Amino acid sequence: QVQPVESGGGLVQAGGSLRLSCAASRSLFSSNDMGWYRQAPGKQREWVATITSSGSTNYADSVKGRFTISRDNAKTTMYLQMNNLKPEDTAVYYCNAVYYAALNTYWGQGTQVTVSS
């Protein structure tokens, strides 16, 4: 299976925290820049954060300072620590290699994050 598997979503109150996990195959994960993306109801999927194969990170302005992306290359797993969650963070969260995300392929099922006010 090439598609990654996201987990860790749930229902949380505003101000709370969640930690998402992304389990990927070695072929998808190794040597690839990886990213988190999200899609809110009625909106297009948007980029959230990226981590390069060497560990450099970049974040969308809307999550900067609240979310932290990390990866464990040995486990081919990526994480997204989300703190101080806001209702506008409510979305289905997806992970993917940046390369395949740009090709709009190999998307997994995603994990639902719902933040109540």
N, C-alpha and C. Protein backbone atom coordinates (compact mmCIF):
# COMPACT_ATOMS: atom_id res chain seq x y z
N GLN A 1 0.85 -1.20 0.00
CA GLN A 1 0.00 0.00 0.00
C GLN A 1 0.88 1.24 0.00
N VAL A 2 0.63 2.11 -0.97
CA VAL A 2 1.43 3.32 -1.07
C VAL A 2 0.82 4.46 -0.27
N GLN A 3 -0.53 4.50 -0.24
CA GLN A 3 -1.17 5.63 0.44
C GLN A 3 -0.82 5.64 1.92
N PRO A 4 -0.55 6.82 2.46
CA PRO A 4 -0.28 6.91 3.90
C PRO A 4 -1.54 6.71 4.72
N VAL A 5 -1.37 6.42 5.99
CA VAL A 5 -2.49 6.22 6.90
C VAL A 5 -2.39 7.24 8.02
N GLU A 6 -3.40 8.11 8.09
CA GLU A 6 -3.43 9.15 9.12
C GLU A 6 -4.25 8.68 10.31
N SER A 7 -3.88 9.13 11.50
CA SER A 7 -4.62 8.79 12.71
C SER A 7 -4.40 9.88 13.76
N GLY A 8 -5.22 9.83 14.81
CA GLY A 8 -5.05 10.75 15.92
C GLY A 8 -6.05 11.88 15.99
N GLY A 9 -6.92 11.96 15.02
CA GLY A 9 -7.92 13.03 15.05
C GLY A 9 -8.97 12.79 16.12
N GLY A 10 -9.85 13.77 16.29
CA GLY A 10 -10.91 13.64 17.28
C GLY A 10 -11.61 14.95 17.50
N LEU A 11 -12.43 14.96 18.55
CA LEU A 11 -13.17 16.15 18.95
C LEU A 11 -12.48 16.77 20.16
N VAL A 12 -12.20 18.05 20.08
CA VAL A 12 -11.51 18.73 21.16
C VAL A 12 -12.08 20.14 21.30
N GLN A 13 -12.04 20.68 22.50
CA GLN A 13 -12.49 22.04 22.72
C GLN A 13 -11.43 23.04 22.27
N ALA A 14 -11.87 24.21 21.95
CA ALA A 14 -10.94 25.28 21.58
C ALA A 14 -9.91 25.46 22.69
N GLY A 15 -8.67 25.63 22.28
CA GLY A 15 -7.57 25.73 23.23
C GLY A 15 -6.90 24.40 23.54
N GLY A 16 -7.52 23.32 23.11
CA GLY A 16 -6.97 21.99 23.38
C GLY A 16 -5.88 21.59 22.40
N SER A 17 -5.44 20.34 22.55
CA SER A 17 -4.34 19.84 21.73
C SER A 17 -4.66 18.45 21.18
N LEU A 18 -4.08 18.15 20.05
CA LEU A 18 -4.13 16.82 19.46
C LEU A 18 -2.79 16.54 18.80
N ARG A 19 -2.46 15.26 18.69
CA ARG A 19 -1.25 14.85 17.97
C ARG A 19 -1.64 13.87 16.88
N LEU A 20 -1.43 14.28 15.65
CA LEU A 20 -1.73 13.43 14.51
C LEU A 20 -0.50 12.61 14.13
N SER A 21 -0.75 11.42 13.62
CA SER A 21 0.32 10.56 13.12
C SER A 21 0.05 10.19 11.67
N CYS A 22 1.13 9.98 10.94
CA CYS A 22 1.04 9.59 9.53
C CYS A 22 2.01 8.44 9.32
N ALA A 23 1.47 7.27 9.09
CA ALA A 23 2.30 6.10 8.81
C ALA A 23 2.39 5.92 7.30
N ALA A 24 3.60 5.92 6.79
CA ALA A 24 3.80 5.85 5.34
C ALA A 24 4.70 4.69 4.97
N SER A 25 4.56 4.22 3.75
CA SER A 25 5.44 3.18 3.26
C SER A 25 6.84 3.77 3.06
N ARG A 26 7.83 2.89 3.07
CA ARG A 26 9.19 3.38 2.90
C ARG A 26 9.37 4.03 1.53
N SER A 27 8.69 3.51 0.54
CA SER A 27 8.82 4.07 -0.80
C SER A 27 8.27 5.48 -0.87
N LEU A 28 7.23 5.76 -0.09
CA LEU A 28 6.65 7.10 -0.08
C LEU A 28 7.45 8.05 0.80
N PHE A 29 7.98 7.52 1.88
CA PHE A 29 8.54 8.37 2.94
C PHE A 29 10.01 8.69 2.72
N SER A 30 10.77 7.69 2.39
CA SER A 30 12.22 7.85 2.37
C SER A 30 12.67 8.89 1.35
N SER A 31 13.54 9.76 1.81
CA SER A 31 14.16 10.78 0.97
C SER A 31 13.17 11.78 0.39
N ASN A 32 11.92 11.76 0.88
CA ASN A 32 10.92 12.69 0.37
C ASN A 32 10.58 13.75 1.39
N ASP A 33 10.38 14.96 0.91
CA ASP A 33 9.77 15.98 1.73
C ASP A 33 8.32 15.57 1.96
N MET A 34 7.87 15.71 3.20
CA MET A 34 6.53 15.29 3.57
C MET A 34 5.72 16.48 4.06
N GLY A 35 4.41 16.39 3.88
CA GLY A 35 3.58 17.52 4.27
C GLY A 35 2.26 17.10 4.90
N TRP A 36 1.71 18.00 5.67
CA TRP A 36 0.34 17.87 6.19
C TRP A 36 -0.53 18.85 5.43
N TYR A 37 -1.74 18.43 5.15
CA TYR A 37 -2.71 19.23 4.43
C TYR A 37 -4.06 19.05 5.12
N ARG A 38 -4.99 19.97 4.86
CA ARG A 38 -6.32 19.82 5.48
C ARG A 38 -7.39 20.34 4.53
N GLN A 39 -8.58 19.80 4.71
CA GLN A 39 -9.71 20.22 3.91
C GLN A 39 -10.91 20.42 4.81
N ALA A 40 -11.35 21.66 4.91
CA ALA A 40 -12.52 22.00 5.70
C ALA A 40 -13.77 21.82 4.83
N PRO A 41 -14.93 21.65 5.46
CA PRO A 41 -16.16 21.46 4.69
C PRO A 41 -16.40 22.60 3.71
N GLY A 42 -16.65 22.26 2.47
CA GLY A 42 -16.95 23.26 1.46
C GLY A 42 -15.74 24.02 0.94
N LYS A 43 -14.56 23.63 1.35
CA LYS A 43 -13.35 24.33 0.93
C LYS A 43 -12.39 23.37 0.23
N GLN A 44 -11.45 23.94 -0.49
CA GLN A 44 -10.43 23.13 -1.13
C GLN A 44 -9.38 22.71 -0.10
N ARG A 45 -8.71 21.63 -0.42
CA ARG A 45 -7.62 21.18 0.44
C ARG A 45 -6.50 22.23 0.44
N GLU A 46 -5.95 22.48 1.62
CA GLU A 46 -4.90 23.49 1.74
C GLU A 46 -3.70 22.91 2.46
N TRP A 47 -2.56 23.48 2.17
CA TRP A 47 -1.31 23.07 2.79
C TRP A 47 -1.23 23.61 4.21
N VAL A 48 -0.69 22.78 5.12
CA VAL A 48 -0.56 23.16 6.53
C VAL A 48 0.91 23.30 6.92
N ALA A 49 1.70 22.28 6.63
CA ALA A 49 3.11 22.29 7.05
C ALA A 49 3.90 21.30 6.22
N THR A 50 5.19 21.54 6.14
CA THR A 50 6.10 20.67 5.40
C THR A 50 7.34 20.40 6.23
N ILE A 51 7.87 19.19 6.11
CA ILE A 51 9.16 18.87 6.70
C ILE A 51 10.00 18.17 5.63
N THR A 52 11.22 18.67 5.44
CA THR A 52 12.08 18.06 4.43
C THR A 52 12.68 16.77 4.96
N SER A 53 13.33 16.04 4.08
CA SER A 53 13.95 14.78 4.48
C SER A 53 15.04 15.01 5.53
N SER A 54 15.60 16.20 5.56
CA SER A 54 16.65 16.51 6.54
C SER A 54 16.12 17.20 7.79
N GLY A 55 14.81 17.46 7.83
CA GLY A 55 14.19 17.98 9.04
C GLY A 55 13.86 19.46 9.05
N SER A 56 14.10 20.17 7.98
CA SER A 56 13.70 21.57 7.92
C SER A 56 12.18 21.67 7.81
N THR A 57 11.63 22.67 8.47
CA THR A 57 10.17 22.79 8.53
C THR A 57 9.68 24.12 8.00
N ASN A 58 8.42 24.12 7.59
CA ASN A 58 7.78 25.34 7.11
C ASN A 58 6.29 25.22 7.42
N TYR A 59 5.66 26.34 7.76
CA TYR A 59 4.28 26.31 8.20
C TYR A 59 3.44 27.37 7.50
N ALA A 60 2.17 27.07 7.32
CA ALA A 60 1.22 28.09 6.89
C ALA A 60 1.09 29.13 7.99
N ASP A 61 0.85 30.37 7.60
CA ASP A 61 0.76 31.43 8.60
C ASP A 61 -0.34 31.16 9.62
N SER A 62 -1.40 30.50 9.19
CA SER A 62 -2.55 30.27 10.07
C SER A 62 -2.24 29.31 11.23
N VAL A 63 -1.17 28.53 11.11
CA VAL A 63 -0.85 27.55 12.16
C VAL A 63 0.50 27.81 12.80
N LYS A 64 1.24 28.75 12.26
CA LYS A 64 2.59 29.02 12.77
C LYS A 64 2.54 29.38 14.25
N GLY A 65 3.41 28.75 15.02
CA GLY A 65 3.45 29.01 16.45
C GLY A 65 2.53 28.12 17.26
N ARG A 66 1.63 27.41 16.58
CA ARG A 66 0.69 26.52 17.28
C ARG A 66 0.91 25.06 16.92
N PHE A 67 1.30 24.80 15.69
CA PHE A 67 1.49 23.42 15.21
C PHE A 67 2.99 23.14 15.06
N THR A 68 3.36 21.89 15.30
CA THR A 68 4.74 21.45 15.11
C THR A 68 4.76 20.15 14.33
N ILE A 69 5.47 20.16 13.22
CA ILE A 69 5.61 18.97 12.39
C ILE A 69 6.94 18.29 12.70
N SER A 70 6.93 16.97 12.71
CA SER A 70 8.15 16.22 12.97
C SER A 70 8.07 14.88 12.23
N ARG A 71 9.19 14.20 12.14
CA ARG A 71 9.20 12.92 11.45
C ARG A 71 10.21 11.99 12.12
N ASP A 72 9.93 10.71 12.03
CA ASP A 72 10.83 9.67 12.50
C ASP A 72 11.16 8.80 11.29
N ASN A 73 12.31 9.03 10.70
CA ASN A 73 12.65 8.34 9.46
C ASN A 73 12.78 6.84 9.65
N ALA A 74 13.24 6.41 10.83
CA ALA A 74 13.39 4.97 11.08
C ALA A 74 12.03 4.27 11.09
N LYS A 75 11.03 4.98 11.58
CA LYS A 75 9.68 4.41 11.65
C LYS A 75 8.82 4.80 10.45
N THR A 76 9.37 5.56 9.54
CA THR A 76 8.63 6.12 8.39
C THR A 76 7.29 6.68 8.84
N THR A 77 7.34 7.48 9.88
CA THR A 77 6.14 8.08 10.47
C THR A 77 6.37 9.57 10.65
N MET A 78 5.33 10.32 10.39
CA MET A 78 5.36 11.77 10.56
C MET A 78 4.29 12.16 11.56
N TYR A 79 4.51 13.28 12.24
CA TYR A 79 3.59 13.72 13.28
C TYR A 79 3.22 15.18 13.08
N LEU A 80 2.08 15.55 13.64
CA LEU A 80 1.69 16.95 13.69
C LEU A 80 1.12 17.21 15.09
N GLN A 81 1.89 17.92 15.89
CA GLN A 81 1.43 18.32 17.21
C GLN A 81 0.67 19.63 17.06
N MET A 82 -0.59 19.62 17.46
CA MET A 82 -1.45 20.78 17.29
C MET A 82 -1.86 21.29 18.67
N ASN A 83 -1.43 22.49 18.99
CA ASN A 83 -1.76 23.11 20.28
C ASN A 83 -2.62 24.34 20.05
N ASN A 84 -3.29 24.77 21.12
CA ASN A 84 -4.14 25.96 21.06
C ASN A 84 -5.07 25.90 19.85
N LEU A 85 -5.76 24.80 19.71
CA LEU A 85 -6.62 24.60 18.55
C LEU A 85 -7.78 25.58 18.55
N LYS A 86 -8.18 25.97 17.34
CA LYS A 86 -9.26 26.92 17.14
C LYS A 86 -10.36 26.26 16.31
N PRO A 87 -11.57 26.75 16.41
CA PRO A 87 -12.66 26.16 15.59
C PRO A 87 -12.34 26.16 14.10
N GLU A 88 -11.60 27.14 13.65
CA GLU A 88 -11.26 27.20 12.22
C GLU A 88 -10.23 26.16 11.81
N ASP A 89 -9.70 25.41 12.77
CA ASP A 89 -8.81 24.29 12.45
C ASP A 89 -9.61 23.02 12.12
N THR A 90 -10.91 23.07 12.29
CA THR A 90 -11.75 21.92 11.99
C THR A 90 -11.63 21.56 10.52
N ALA A 91 -11.26 20.30 10.26
CA ALA A 91 -11.03 19.84 8.89
C ALA A 91 -10.66 18.37 8.92
N VAL A 92 -10.62 17.77 7.75
CA VAL A 92 -10.00 16.46 7.60
C VAL A 92 -8.53 16.71 7.27
N TYR A 93 -7.66 16.09 8.03
CA TYR A 93 -6.22 16.29 7.86
C TYR A 93 -5.62 15.11 7.12
N TYR A 94 -4.80 15.43 6.13
CA TYR A 94 -4.15 14.44 5.29
C TYR A 94 -2.63 14.64 5.34
N CYS A 95 -1.91 13.55 5.11
CA CYS A 95 -0.47 13.66 4.93
C CYS A 95 -0.11 13.06 3.57
N ASN A 96 1.02 13.50 3.05
CA ASN A 96 1.46 12.98 1.76
C ASN A 96 2.88 13.45 1.53
N ALA A 97 3.56 12.77 0.63
CA ALA A 97 4.82 13.31 0.14
C ALA A 97 4.50 14.56 -0.69
N VAL A 98 5.30 15.57 -0.54
CA VAL A 98 5.04 16.83 -1.24
C VAL A 98 4.97 16.60 -2.75
N TYR A 99 5.85 15.72 -3.23
CA TYR A 99 5.89 15.44 -4.68
C TYR A 99 4.56 14.87 -5.15
N TYR A 100 4.02 13.90 -4.41
CA TYR A 100 2.77 13.26 -4.83
C TYR A 100 1.57 14.15 -4.56
N ALA A 101 1.66 14.98 -3.54
CA ALA A 101 0.58 15.93 -3.29
C ALA A 101 0.42 16.88 -4.47
N ALA A 102 1.54 17.30 -5.03
CA ALA A 102 1.50 18.20 -6.19
C ALA A 102 0.88 17.50 -7.41
N LEU A 103 1.03 16.19 -7.47
CA LEU A 103 0.42 15.41 -8.54
C LEU A 103 -1.00 14.99 -8.21
N ASN A 104 -1.44 15.35 -6.99
CA ASN A 104 -2.79 15.02 -6.51
C ASN A 104 -3.04 13.52 -6.55
N THR A 105 -2.10 12.77 -6.04
CA THR A 105 -2.24 11.32 -6.01
C THR A 105 -1.72 10.77 -4.70
N TYR A 106 -2.07 9.51 -4.46
CA TYR A 106 -1.65 8.79 -3.24
C TYR A 106 -2.17 9.44 -1.97
N TRP A 107 -3.36 10.02 -2.02
CA TRP A 107 -3.97 10.53 -0.80
C TRP A 107 -4.57 9.39 -0.01
N GLY A 108 -4.45 9.45 1.32
CA GLY A 108 -5.08 8.48 2.19
C GLY A 108 -6.49 8.91 2.55
N GLN A 109 -7.04 8.29 3.60
CA GLN A 109 -8.41 8.58 4.02
C GLN A 109 -8.49 9.84 4.87
N GLY A 110 -7.40 10.23 5.46
CA GLY A 110 -7.41 11.41 6.31
C GLY A 110 -7.93 11.09 7.70
N THR A 111 -7.78 12.06 8.59
CA THR A 111 -8.31 11.93 9.95
C THR A 111 -9.04 13.21 10.31
N GLN A 112 -10.23 13.06 10.87
CA GLN A 112 -11.10 14.21 11.15
C GLN A 112 -10.68 14.89 12.45
N VAL A 113 -10.52 16.19 12.38
CA VAL A 113 -10.29 17.02 13.56
C VAL A 113 -11.44 17.99 13.69
N THR A 114 -12.10 17.97 14.83
CA THR A 114 -13.21 18.88 15.07
C THR A 114 -12.93 19.65 16.35
N VAL A 115 -12.95 20.97 16.24
CA VAL A 115 -12.68 21.84 17.38
C VAL A 115 -13.95 22.60 17.71
N SER A 116 -14.45 22.39 18.90
CA SER A 116 -15.68 23.07 19.32
C SER A 116 -15.34 24.36 20.06
N SER A 117 -16.23 25.31 19.91
CA SER A 117 -15.99 26.62 20.56
C SER A 117 -16.57 26.66 21.95
